[in-house]
Amino acid sequence: MSRWFDSQQGPPTDSRPPRLTTYLEDFALIPVPYELIYPQNTKASSPSQDAVHQFCKWLEASDNPIYNGLASLFKENLPSDATNLRLVRLVGPLALILAAQKFNQEGLRPLTQLYIAQAPVSDLPSELQDDLPTPRLVKEAGKGDVYDTSIWLGLEPTYTPWHRDPNPNLFCQLCSSKIVRLSSPSVGDSIYRDVQMQLGRHGSSRIRGEEMMQGPERQALQSAIWGPGSPSTILEVRVEPGDALFIPKGWWHSVKSAFSDGRLNGSVNWWFR
């Protein structure tokens, strides 16, 4: 993946964060799905001090018309309520993550939690699809039927709450590091039911819905899986660039980045059957 990510990045102990290369600038206008957690600084004395608003101002001040358009896109999608954490979903060009990376490199308050989440690889230009060939393990396992392939690319911290997939999953880390906690179906079912009972809800565990990404459910799931009282039966693994993790069908898992300072994190996964 040296075409996508700065090859100057060293081993996991290297403090230099990875960067997207200029190669991806040729694809800056392709649309991809984004998730953004907003606001990012609820303790700020005014909304204008939030990193998201600082990023918008930075875009507006540019003489690049694409950046000006990105600022308008952001403003159109931001909720008026800047006091409670919200999940904002929008479709925007790849140029958005490229611009955000540049913004963070300039030493300003870093923009974080901007995530190209579960973007179908099949929607990418053929050149980018060719950079993500299906692993032999996936092609030769089971029926050899690749159900879906997704790219996950964002500014740390990134986070996916406790859920399970209806198909086997091969998860590969491309840049930076992620920590995965997972459990067998029976253990995961019990944890999820307990959280839902606490909240008086009956949510879906197979949909990356807004309920699990914000508000009480996000907090409850995060506490149950990542808190100090999490069950000892939960397994944990840390994946570094080049590592792959097989997650069996029905196994519960939650994924979060190893860092939270706005650096780039990238992964790809294949669901197959």
C-alpha atoms as a PDB file:
ATOM      1  CA  MET A   1       0.000   0.000   0.000  1.00  0.00           C
ATOM      2  CA  SER A   2       2.963   2.313  -0.498  1.00  0.00           C
ATOM      3  CA  ARG A   3       0.976   4.003  -3.271  1.00  0.00           C
ATOM      4  CA  TRP A   4      -1.602   5.158  -0.725  1.00  0.00           C
ATOM      5  CA  PHE A   5       0.468   5.752   2.388  1.00  0.00           C
ATOM      6  CA  ASP A   6       3.774   7.468   3.044  1.00  0.00           C
ATOM      7  CA  SER A   7       6.431   4.763   2.840  1.00  0.00           C
ATOM      8  CA  GLN A   8       8.683   6.759   5.184  1.00  0.00           C
ATOM      9  CA  GLN A   9       6.698   5.525   8.164  1.00  0.00           C
ATOM     10  CA  GLY A  10       8.847   3.211  10.260  1.00  0.00           C
ATOM     11  CA  PRO A  11       7.968   0.422  12.708  1.00  0.00           C
ATOM     12  CA  PRO A  12       5.041   0.664  15.154  1.00  0.00           C
ATOM     13  CA  THR A  13       7.302   2.478  17.638  1.00  0.00           C
ATOM     14  CA  ASP A  14       7.911   5.243  15.085  1.00  0.00           C
ATOM     15  CA  SER A  15       6.290   8.428  16.378  1.00  0.00           C
ATOM     16  CA  ARG A  16       5.858   9.871  12.894  1.00  0.00           C
ATOM     17  CA  PRO A  17       2.228   9.487  11.824  1.00  0.00           C
ATOM     18  CA  PRO A  18       1.410   7.972   8.410  1.00  0.00           C
ATOM     19  CA  ARG A  19       0.260  10.222   5.589  1.00  0.00           C
ATOM     20  CA  LEU A  20      -1.742   9.802   2.419  1.00  0.00           C
ATOM     21  CA  THR A  21       0.408  10.172  -0.683  1.00  0.00           C
ATOM     22  CA  THR A  22      -0.050  12.551  -3.606  1.00  0.00           C
ATOM     23  CA  TYR A  23      -1.097   9.523  -5.683  1.00  0.00           C
ATOM     24  CA  LEU A  24      -4.590   9.780  -4.198  1.00  0.00           C
ATOM     25  CA  GLU A  25      -4.927  13.406  -5.270  1.00  0.00           C
ATOM     26  CA  ASP A  26      -5.713  12.120  -8.767  1.00  0.00           C
ATOM     27  CA  PHE A  27      -8.905  10.666  -7.271  1.00  0.00           C
ATOM     28  CA  ALA A  28      -9.779  13.643  -5.064  1.00  0.00           C
ATOM     29  CA  LEU A  29     -13.269  14.120  -6.483  1.00  0.00           C
ATOM     30  CA  ILE A  30     -14.606  10.578  -6.067  1.00  0.00           C
ATOM     31  CA  PRO A  31     -17.535  10.468  -3.580  1.00  0.00           C
ATOM     32  CA  VAL A  32     -17.185   8.435  -0.383  1.00  0.00           C
ATOM     33  CA  PRO A  33     -19.325   8.089   2.781  1.00  0.00           C
ATOM     34  CA  TYR A  34     -18.080   9.953   5.855  1.00  0.00           C
ATOM     35  CA  GLU A  35     -18.874   9.868   9.538  1.00  0.00           C
ATOM     36  CA  LEU A  36     -17.999  12.761  11.838  1.00  0.00           C
ATOM     37  CA  ILE A  37     -18.393  13.092  15.596  1.00  0.00           C
ATOM     38  CA  TYR A  38     -19.472  16.652  16.400  1.00  0.00           C
ATOM     39  CA  PRO A  39     -18.738  18.745  18.397  1.00  0.00           C
ATOM     40  CA  GLN A  40     -15.178  17.730  19.174  1.00  0.00           C
ATOM     41  CA  ASN A  41     -14.570  20.065  22.088  1.00  0.00           C
ATOM     42  CA  THR A  42     -17.660  20.357  24.268  1.00  0.00           C
ATOM     43  CA  LYS A  43     -15.635  22.318  26.855  1.00  0.00           C
ATOM     44  CA  ALA A  44     -14.812  25.137  24.444  1.00  0.00           C
ATOM     45  CA  SER A  45     -16.069  28.545  25.536  1.00  0.00           C
ATOM     46  CA  SER A  46     -17.670  29.059  22.127  1.00  0.00           C
ATOM     47  CA  PRO A  47     -18.499  26.809  19.135  1.00  0.00           C
ATOM     48  CA  SER A  48     -15.986  28.729  17.021  1.00  0.00           C
ATOM     49  CA  GLN A  49     -13.162  27.179  19.053  1.00  0.00           C
ATOM     50  CA  ASP A  50     -14.181  23.660  18.087  1.00  0.00           C
ATOM     51  CA  ALA A  51     -11.761  21.882  15.727  1.00  0.00           C
ATOM     52  CA  VAL A  52     -14.523  21.369  13.166  1.00  0.00           C
ATOM     53  CA  HIS A  53     -15.215  25.105  12.954  1.00  0.00           C
ATOM     54  CA  GLN A  54     -11.496  25.860  12.847  1.00  0.00           C
ATOM     55  CA  PHE A  55     -11.196  23.450   9.933  1.00  0.00           C
ATOM     56  CA  CYS A  56     -14.084  25.164   8.129  1.00  0.00           C
ATOM     57  CA  LYS A  57     -12.436  28.569   8.574  1.00  0.00           C
ATOM     58  CA  TRP A  58      -9.173  27.164   7.250  1.00  0.00           C
ATOM     59  CA  LEU A  59     -10.960  25.809   4.176  1.00  0.00           C
ATOM     60  CA  GLU A  60     -12.764  29.100   3.569  1.00  0.00           C
ATOM     61  CA  ALA A  61      -9.505  31.056   3.763  1.00  0.00           C
ATOM     62  CA  SER A  62      -7.956  28.982   0.987  1.00  0.00           C
ATOM     63  CA  ASP A  63      -7.764  30.217  -2.597  1.00  0.00           C
ATOM     64  CA  ASN A  64      -8.537  26.661  -3.716  1.00  0.00           C
ATOM     65  CA  PRO A  65     -12.187  26.539  -4.895  1.00  0.00           C
ATOM     66  CA  ILE A  66     -12.409  22.860  -3.963  1.00  0.00           C
ATOM     67  CA  TYR A  67     -11.560  23.734  -0.367  1.00  0.00           C
ATOM     68  CA  ASN A  68     -14.191  26.471  -0.392  1.00  0.00           C
ATOM     69  CA  GLY A  69     -16.748  23.921  -1.560  1.00  0.00           C
ATOM     70  CA  LEU A  70     -15.710  21.522   1.197  1.00  0.00           C
ATOM     71  CA  ALA A  71     -16.342  24.244   3.779  1.00  0.00           C
ATOM     72  CA  SER A  72     -19.862  24.726   2.439  1.00  0.00           C
ATOM     73  CA  LEU A  73     -20.452  20.969   2.481  1.00  0.00           C
ATOM     74  CA  PHE A  74     -19.420  20.759   6.114  1.00  0.00           C
ATOM     75  CA  LYS A  75     -21.574  23.686   7.193  1.00  0.00           C
ATOM     76  CA  GLU A  76     -24.628  22.300   5.402  1.00  0.00           C
ATOM     77  CA  ASN A  77     -24.365  19.037   7.343  1.00  0.00           C
ATOM     78  CA  LEU A  78     -23.461  20.244  10.834  1.00  0.00           C
ATOM     79  CA  PRO A  79     -26.310  20.165  13.384  1.00  0.00           C
ATOM     80  CA  SER A  80     -27.262  23.400  15.101  1.00  0.00           C
ATOM     81  CA  ASP A  81     -26.873  21.789  18.533  1.00  0.00           C
ATOM     82  CA  ALA A  82     -23.197  22.023  19.507  1.00  0.00           C
ATOM     83  CA  THR A  83     -23.599  20.852  23.106  1.00  0.00           C
ATOM     84  CA  ASN A  84     -24.279  17.115  22.732  1.00  0.00           C
ATOM     85  CA  LEU A  85     -22.134  14.665  20.801  1.00  0.00           C
ATOM     86  CA  ARG A  86     -23.753  13.766  17.502  1.00  0.00           C
ATOM     87  CA  LEU A  87     -22.913  11.413  14.667  1.00  0.00           C
ATOM     88  CA  VAL A  88     -22.959  13.314  11.384  1.00  0.00           C
ATOM     89  CA  ARG A  89     -23.146  11.284   8.183  1.00  0.00           C
ATOM     90  CA  LEU A  90     -22.449  12.824   4.808  1.00  0.00           C
ATOM     91  CA  VAL A  91     -21.191  11.953   1.349  1.00  0.00           C
ATOM     92  CA  GLY A  92     -18.238  14.002   0.187  1.00  0.00           C
ATOM     93  CA  PRO A  93     -15.204  13.793  -2.069  1.00  0.00           C
ATOM     94  CA  LEU A  94     -11.969  12.072  -1.124  1.00  0.00           C
ATOM     95  CA  ALA A  95     -10.542  15.601  -1.164  1.00  0.00           C
ATOM     96  CA  LEU A  96     -12.105  16.097   2.278  1.00  0.00           C
ATOM     97  CA  ILE A  97      -9.837  13.613   4.066  1.00  0.00           C
ATOM     98  CA  LEU A  98      -6.858  14.875   2.052  1.00  0.00           C
ATOM     99  CA  ALA A  99      -7.589  18.438   3.157  1.00  0.00           C
ATOM    100  CA  ALA A 100      -8.145  17.397   6.773  1.00  0.00           C
ATOM    101  CA  GLN A 101      -4.791  15.636   6.786  1.00  0.00           C
ATOM    102  CA  LYS A 102      -3.092  18.793   5.536  1.00  0.00           C
ATOM    103  CA  PHE A 103      -4.922  20.866   8.156  1.00  0.00           C
ATOM    104  CA  ASN A 104      -3.640  18.590  10.908  1.00  0.00           C
ATOM    105  CA  GLN A 105      -0.085  18.714   9.576  1.00  0.00           C
ATOM    106  CA  GLU A 106       0.003  22.477  10.016  1.00  0.00           C
ATOM    107  CA  GLY A 107       0.057  22.119  13.783  1.00  0.00           C
ATOM    108  CA  LEU A 108      -3.390  23.547  14.474  1.00  0.00           C
ATOM    109  CA  ARG A 109      -5.899  21.955  16.847  1.00  0.00           C
ATOM    110  CA  PRO A 110      -6.232  18.588  15.080  1.00  0.00           C
ATOM    111  CA  LEU A 111      -9.466  17.520  13.486  1.00  0.00           C
ATOM    112  CA  THR A 112     -10.347  14.028  14.705  1.00  0.00           C
ATOM    113  CA  GLN A 113     -13.046  11.388  14.235  1.00  0.00           C
ATOM    114  CA  LEU A 114     -13.579  12.112  10.547  1.00  0.00           C
ATOM    115  CA  TYR A 115     -14.006   8.620   9.154  1.00  0.00           C
ATOM    116  CA  ILE A 116     -14.561   7.116   5.730  1.00  0.00           C
ATOM    117  CA  ALA A 117     -16.453   4.202   7.243  1.00  0.00           C
ATOM    118  CA  GLN A 118     -17.441   1.042   5.381  1.00  0.00           C
ATOM    119  CA  ALA A 119     -16.943   2.557   1.932  1.00  0.00           C
ATOM    120  CA  PRO A 120     -17.539  -0.188  -0.669  1.00  0.00           C
ATOM    121  CA  VAL A 121     -14.351  -0.913  -2.585  1.00  0.00           C
ATOM    122  CA  SER A 122     -16.547  -1.761  -5.588  1.00  0.00           C
ATOM    123  CA  ASP A 123     -17.530   1.928  -5.760  1.00  0.00           C
ATOM    124  CA  LEU A 124     -13.917   3.053  -6.138  1.00  0.00           C
ATOM    125  CA  PRO A 125     -12.211   3.650  -9.506  1.00  0.00           C
ATOM    126  CA  SER A 126     -10.672   0.509 -11.008  1.00  0.00           C
ATOM    127  CA  GLU A 127      -7.144   1.774 -10.322  1.00  0.00           C
ATOM    128  CA  LEU A 128      -7.847   1.940  -6.583  1.00  0.00           C
ATOM    129  CA  GLN A 129      -9.648  -1.407  -6.627  1.00  0.00           C
ATOM    130  CA  ASP A 130      -6.544  -2.951  -8.167  1.00  0.00           C
ATOM    131  CA  ASP A 131      -4.536  -1.688  -5.191  1.00  0.00           C
ATOM    132  CA  LEU A 132      -6.722  -3.850  -2.920  1.00  0.00           C
ATOM    133  CA  PRO A 133      -6.654  -7.335  -4.467  1.00  0.00           C
ATOM    134  CA  THR A 134      -8.764 -10.005  -2.797  1.00  0.00           C
ATOM    135  CA  PRO A 135      -6.516 -12.255  -0.662  1.00  0.00           C
ATOM    136  CA  ARG A 136      -6.134 -15.858  -1.731  1.00  0.00           C
ATOM    137  CA  LEU A 137      -7.519 -16.968   1.636  1.00  0.00           C
ATOM    138  CA  VAL A 138     -10.799 -15.225   0.855  1.00  0.00           C
ATOM    139  CA  LYS A 139     -11.052 -16.459  -2.736  1.00  0.00           C
ATOM    140  CA  GLU A 140     -10.436 -20.084  -1.817  1.00  0.00           C
ATOM    141  CA  ALA A 141     -12.407 -20.272   1.431  1.00  0.00           C
ATOM    142  CA  GLY A 142     -15.969 -21.582   1.533  1.00  0.00           C
ATOM    143  CA  LYS A 143     -17.832 -20.888  -1.692  1.00  0.00           C
ATOM    144  CA  GLY A 144     -15.295 -18.297  -2.794  1.00  0.00           C
ATOM    145  CA  ASP A 145     -18.084 -15.736  -2.805  1.00  0.00           C
ATOM    146  CA  VAL A 146     -16.931 -12.271  -1.691  1.00  0.00           C
ATOM    147  CA  TYR A 147     -20.037 -10.732  -0.147  1.00  0.00           C
ATOM    148  CA  ASP A 148     -18.594  -7.245   0.224  1.00  0.00           C
ATOM    149  CA  THR A 149     -15.316  -5.373   0.641  1.00  0.00           C
ATOM    150  CA  SER A 150     -14.975  -2.100   2.528  1.00  0.00           C
ATOM    151  CA  ILE A 151     -12.326   0.510   3.165  1.00  0.00           C
ATOM    152  CA  TRP A 152     -12.035   2.279   6.523  1.00  0.00           C
ATOM    153  CA  LEU A 153      -9.945   5.446   6.458  1.00  0.00           C
ATOM    154  CA  GLY A 154     -10.020   8.248   8.991  1.00  0.00           C
ATOM    155  CA  LEU A 155      -8.471  10.540  11.557  1.00  0.00           C
ATOM    156  CA  GLU A 156      -7.991   8.958  14.968  1.00  0.00           C
ATOM    157  CA  PRO A 157      -9.655   8.207  17.225  1.00  0.00           C
ATOM    158  CA  THR A 158     -11.785   5.866  15.130  1.00  0.00           C
ATOM    159  CA  TYR A 159     -14.280   3.531  16.727  1.00  0.00           C
ATOM    160  CA  THR A 160     -16.787   0.830  15.837  1.00  0.00           C
ATOM    161  CA  PRO A 161     -18.988  -0.432  18.707  1.00  0.00           C
ATOM    162  CA  TRP A 162     -19.874  -3.980  19.754  1.00  0.00           C
ATOM    163  CA  HIS A 163     -21.590  -5.856  16.932  1.00  0.00           C
ATOM    164  CA  ARG A 164     -21.500  -9.055  14.894  1.00  0.00           C
ATOM    165  CA  ASP A 165     -21.424  -9.743  11.166  1.00  0.00           C
ATOM    166  CA  PRO A 166     -23.644 -12.182   9.238  1.00  0.00           C
ATOM    167  CA  ASN A 167     -20.621 -13.445   7.262  1.00  0.00           C
ATOM    168  CA  PRO A 168     -16.991 -14.396   7.966  1.00  0.00           C
ATOM    169  CA  ASN A 169     -14.708 -11.362   7.955  1.00  0.00           C
ATOM    170  CA  LEU A 170     -11.033 -10.958   7.061  1.00  0.00           C
ATOM    171  CA  PHE A 171      -9.818  -7.648   8.493  1.00  0.00           C
ATOM    172  CA  CYS A 172      -6.496  -6.192   7.301  1.00  0.00           C
ATOM    173  CA  GLN A 173      -4.693  -3.191   8.768  1.00  0.00           C
ATOM    174  CA  LEU A 174      -3.131  -0.788   6.269  1.00  0.00           C
ATOM    175  CA  CYS A 175      -1.697   2.048   8.353  1.00  0.00           C
ATOM    176  CA  SER A 176      -1.362   2.965  12.035  1.00  0.00           C
ATOM    177  CA  SER A 177      -2.763   0.492  14.580  1.00  0.00           C
ATOM    178  CA  LYS A 178      -6.114  -0.756  15.824  1.00  0.00           C
ATOM    179  CA  ILE A 179      -7.195  -2.730  18.846  1.00  0.00           C
ATOM    180  CA  VAL A 180      -9.929  -5.334  18.416  1.00  0.00           C
ATOM    181  CA  ARG A 181     -11.884  -6.897  21.248  1.00  0.00           C
ATOM    182  CA  LEU A 182     -13.976  -9.923  20.340  1.00  0.00           C
ATOM    183  CA  SER A 183     -15.867 -12.854  21.793  1.00  0.00           C
ATOM    184  CA  SER A 184     -17.768 -15.976  20.865  1.00  0.00           C
ATOM    185  CA  PRO A 185     -21.442 -15.639  19.853  1.00  0.00           C
ATOM    186  CA  SER A 186     -22.830 -16.753  23.230  1.00  0.00           C
ATOM    187  CA  VAL A 187     -20.671 -14.394  25.298  1.00  0.00           C
ATOM    188  CA  GLY A 188     -21.283 -11.497  22.927  1.00  0.00           C
ATOM    189  CA  ASP A 189     -25.034 -12.088  22.919  1.00  0.00           C
ATOM    190  CA  SER A 190     -25.116 -11.927  26.705  1.00  0.00           C
ATOM    191  CA  ILE A 191     -23.154  -8.666  26.853  1.00  0.00           C
ATOM    192  CA  TYR A 192     -25.288  -7.034  24.187  1.00  0.00           C
ATOM    193  CA  ARG A 193     -28.568  -8.130  25.809  1.00  0.00           C
ATOM    194  CA  ASP A 194     -27.432  -6.770  29.164  1.00  0.00           C
ATOM    195  CA  VAL A 195     -26.677  -3.369  27.637  1.00  0.00           C
ATOM    196  CA  GLN A 196     -29.992  -3.282  25.793  1.00  0.00           C
ATOM    197  CA  MET A 197     -31.881  -4.208  28.963  1.00  0.00           C
ATOM    198  CA  GLN A 198     -30.139  -1.423  30.876  1.00  0.00           C
ATOM    199  CA  LEU A 199     -31.305   1.014  28.218  1.00  0.00           C
ATOM    200  CA  GLY A 200     -34.771  -0.507  27.813  1.00  0.00           C
ATOM    201  CA  ARG A 201     -34.153  -1.109  24.118  1.00  0.00           C
ATOM    202  CA  HIS A 202     -34.042  -3.868  21.530  1.00  0.00           C
ATOM    203  CA  GLY A 203     -31.485  -2.653  18.979  1.00  0.00           C
ATOM    204  CA  SER A 204     -29.964  -4.475  16.019  1.00  0.00           C
ATOM    205  CA  SER A 205     -26.460  -5.859  16.471  1.00  0.00           C
ATOM    206  CA  ARG A 206     -25.777  -6.136  12.747  1.00  0.00           C
ATOM    207  CA  ILE A 207     -26.331  -2.561  11.689  1.00  0.00           C
ATOM    208  CA  ARG A 208     -23.857   0.264  12.219  1.00  0.00           C
ATOM    209  CA  GLY A 209     -26.765   2.455  13.259  1.00  0.00           C
ATOM    210  CA  GLU A 210     -26.818   5.888  14.783  1.00  0.00           C
ATOM    211  CA  GLU A 211     -28.089   4.515  18.109  1.00  0.00           C
ATOM    212  CA  MET A 212     -24.868   2.607  18.768  1.00  0.00           C
ATOM    213  CA  MET A 213     -22.691   5.456  17.489  1.00  0.00           C
ATOM    214  CA  GLN A 214     -23.951   8.244  19.736  1.00  0.00           C
ATOM    215  CA  GLY A 215     -25.786   8.940  22.964  1.00  0.00           C
ATOM    216  CA  PRO A 216     -26.506   6.494  25.820  1.00  0.00           C
ATOM    217  CA  GLU A 217     -26.052   3.322  23.739  1.00  0.00           C
ATOM    218  CA  ARG A 218     -22.582   4.339  22.558  1.00  0.00           C
ATOM    219  CA  GLN A 219     -21.551   5.131  26.123  1.00  0.00           C
ATOM    220  CA  ALA A 220     -23.023   1.921  27.536  1.00  0.00           C
ATOM    221  CA  LEU A 221     -21.443  -0.319  24.895  1.00  0.00           C
ATOM    222  CA  GLN A 222     -18.088   1.405  25.243  1.00  0.00           C
ATOM    223  CA  SER A 223     -18.157   0.987  29.012  1.00  0.00           C
ATOM    224  CA  ALA A 224     -19.198  -2.672  28.802  1.00  0.00           C
ATOM    225  CA  ILE A 225     -16.476  -3.627  26.322  1.00  0.00           C
ATOM    226  CA  TRP A 226     -13.635  -1.220  26.990  1.00  0.00           C
ATOM    227  CA  GLY A 227     -14.248  -0.238  30.607  1.00  0.00           C
ATOM    228  CA  PRO A 228     -12.358  -1.609  33.623  1.00  0.00           C
ATOM    229  CA  GLY A 229     -15.176  -4.032  34.411  1.00  0.00           C
ATOM    230  CA  SER A 230     -15.289  -5.707  30.992  1.00  0.00           C
ATOM    231  CA  PRO A 231     -15.644  -9.524  31.087  1.00  0.00           C
ATOM    232  CA  SER A 232     -12.429 -11.558  31.247  1.00  0.00           C
ATOM    233  CA  THR A 233     -13.822 -13.790  28.494  1.00  0.00           C
ATOM    234  CA  ILE A 234     -13.319 -11.016  25.925  1.00  0.00           C
ATOM    235  CA  LEU A 235     -10.273 -11.526  23.704  1.00  0.00           C
ATOM    236  CA  GLU A 236      -8.047  -8.654  22.578  1.00  0.00           C
ATOM    237  CA  VAL A 237      -5.618  -8.268  19.697  1.00  0.00           C
ATOM    238  CA  ARG A 238      -3.687  -5.308  18.333  1.00  0.00           C
ATOM    239  CA  VAL A 239      -3.227  -5.165  14.557  1.00  0.00           C
ATOM    240  CA  GLU A 240      -0.353  -3.292  12.932  1.00  0.00           C
ATOM    241  CA  PRO A 241       0.192  -2.429   9.237  1.00  0.00           C
ATOM    242  CA  GLY A 242       0.341  -5.680   7.279  1.00  0.00           C
ATOM    243  CA  ASP A 243      -1.501  -7.719   9.933  1.00  0.00           C
ATOM    244  CA  ALA A 244      -4.705  -9.601   9.139  1.00  0.00           C
ATOM    245  CA  LEU A 245      -7.355 -10.855  11.552  1.00  0.00           C
ATOM    246  CA  PHE A 246      -9.992 -13.472  10.752  1.00  0.00           C
ATOM    247  CA  ILE A 247     -13.301 -12.885  12.544  1.00  0.00           C
ATOM    248  CA  PRO A 248     -15.628 -15.912  12.279  1.00  0.00           C
ATOM    249  CA  LYS A 249     -19.277 -15.508  11.366  1.00  0.00           C
ATOM    250  CA  GLY A 250     -21.336 -14.397  14.344  1.00  0.00           C
ATOM    251  CA  TRP A 251     -18.382 -13.473  16.539  1.00  0.00           C
ATOM    252  CA  TRP A 252     -18.868 -10.191  18.336  1.00  0.00           C
ATOM    253  CA  HIS A 253     -16.258  -7.480  18.051  1.00  0.00           C
ATOM    254  CA  SER A 254     -15.519  -3.822  18.677  1.00  0.00           C
ATOM    255  CA  VAL A 255     -12.676  -1.938  17.013  1.00  0.00           C
ATOM    256  CA  LYS A 256     -10.893   1.250  17.973  1.00  0.00           C
ATOM    257  CA  SER A 257      -7.710   3.010  16.941  1.00  0.00           C
ATOM    258  CA  ALA A 258      -4.647   2.723  19.149  1.00  0.00           C
ATOM    259  CA  PHE A 259      -4.123   6.489  19.131  1.00  0.00           C
ATOM    260  CA  SER A 260      -6.379   9.536  19.420  1.00  0.00           C
ATOM    261  CA  ASP A 261      -4.289  12.461  18.182  1.00  0.00           C
ATOM    262  CA  GLY A 262      -5.753  12.940  14.713  1.00  0.00           C
ATOM    263  CA  ARG A 263      -3.257  10.778  12.865  1.00  0.00           C
ATOM    264  CA  LEU A 264      -4.369   8.720   9.888  1.00  0.00           C
ATOM    265  CA  ASN A 265      -5.684   5.182  10.289  1.00  0.00           C
ATOM    266  CA  GLY A 266      -6.584   2.823   7.461  1.00  0.00           C
ATOM    267  CA  SER A 267      -8.029  -0.686   7.158  1.00  0.00           C
ATOM    268  CA  VAL A 268      -9.770  -2.882   4.614  1.00  0.00           C
ATOM    269  CA  ASN A 269     -11.947  -5.926   5.140  1.00  0.00           C
ATOM    270  CA  TRP A 270     -13.582  -8.676   3.119  1.00  0.00           C
ATOM    271  CA  TRP A 271     -16.864 -10.347   4.074  1.00  0.00           C
ATOM    272  CA  PHE A 272     -17.177 -13.678   2.323  1.00  0.00           C
ATOM    273  CA  ARG A 273     -19.079 -16.955   2.380  1.00  0.00           C
END
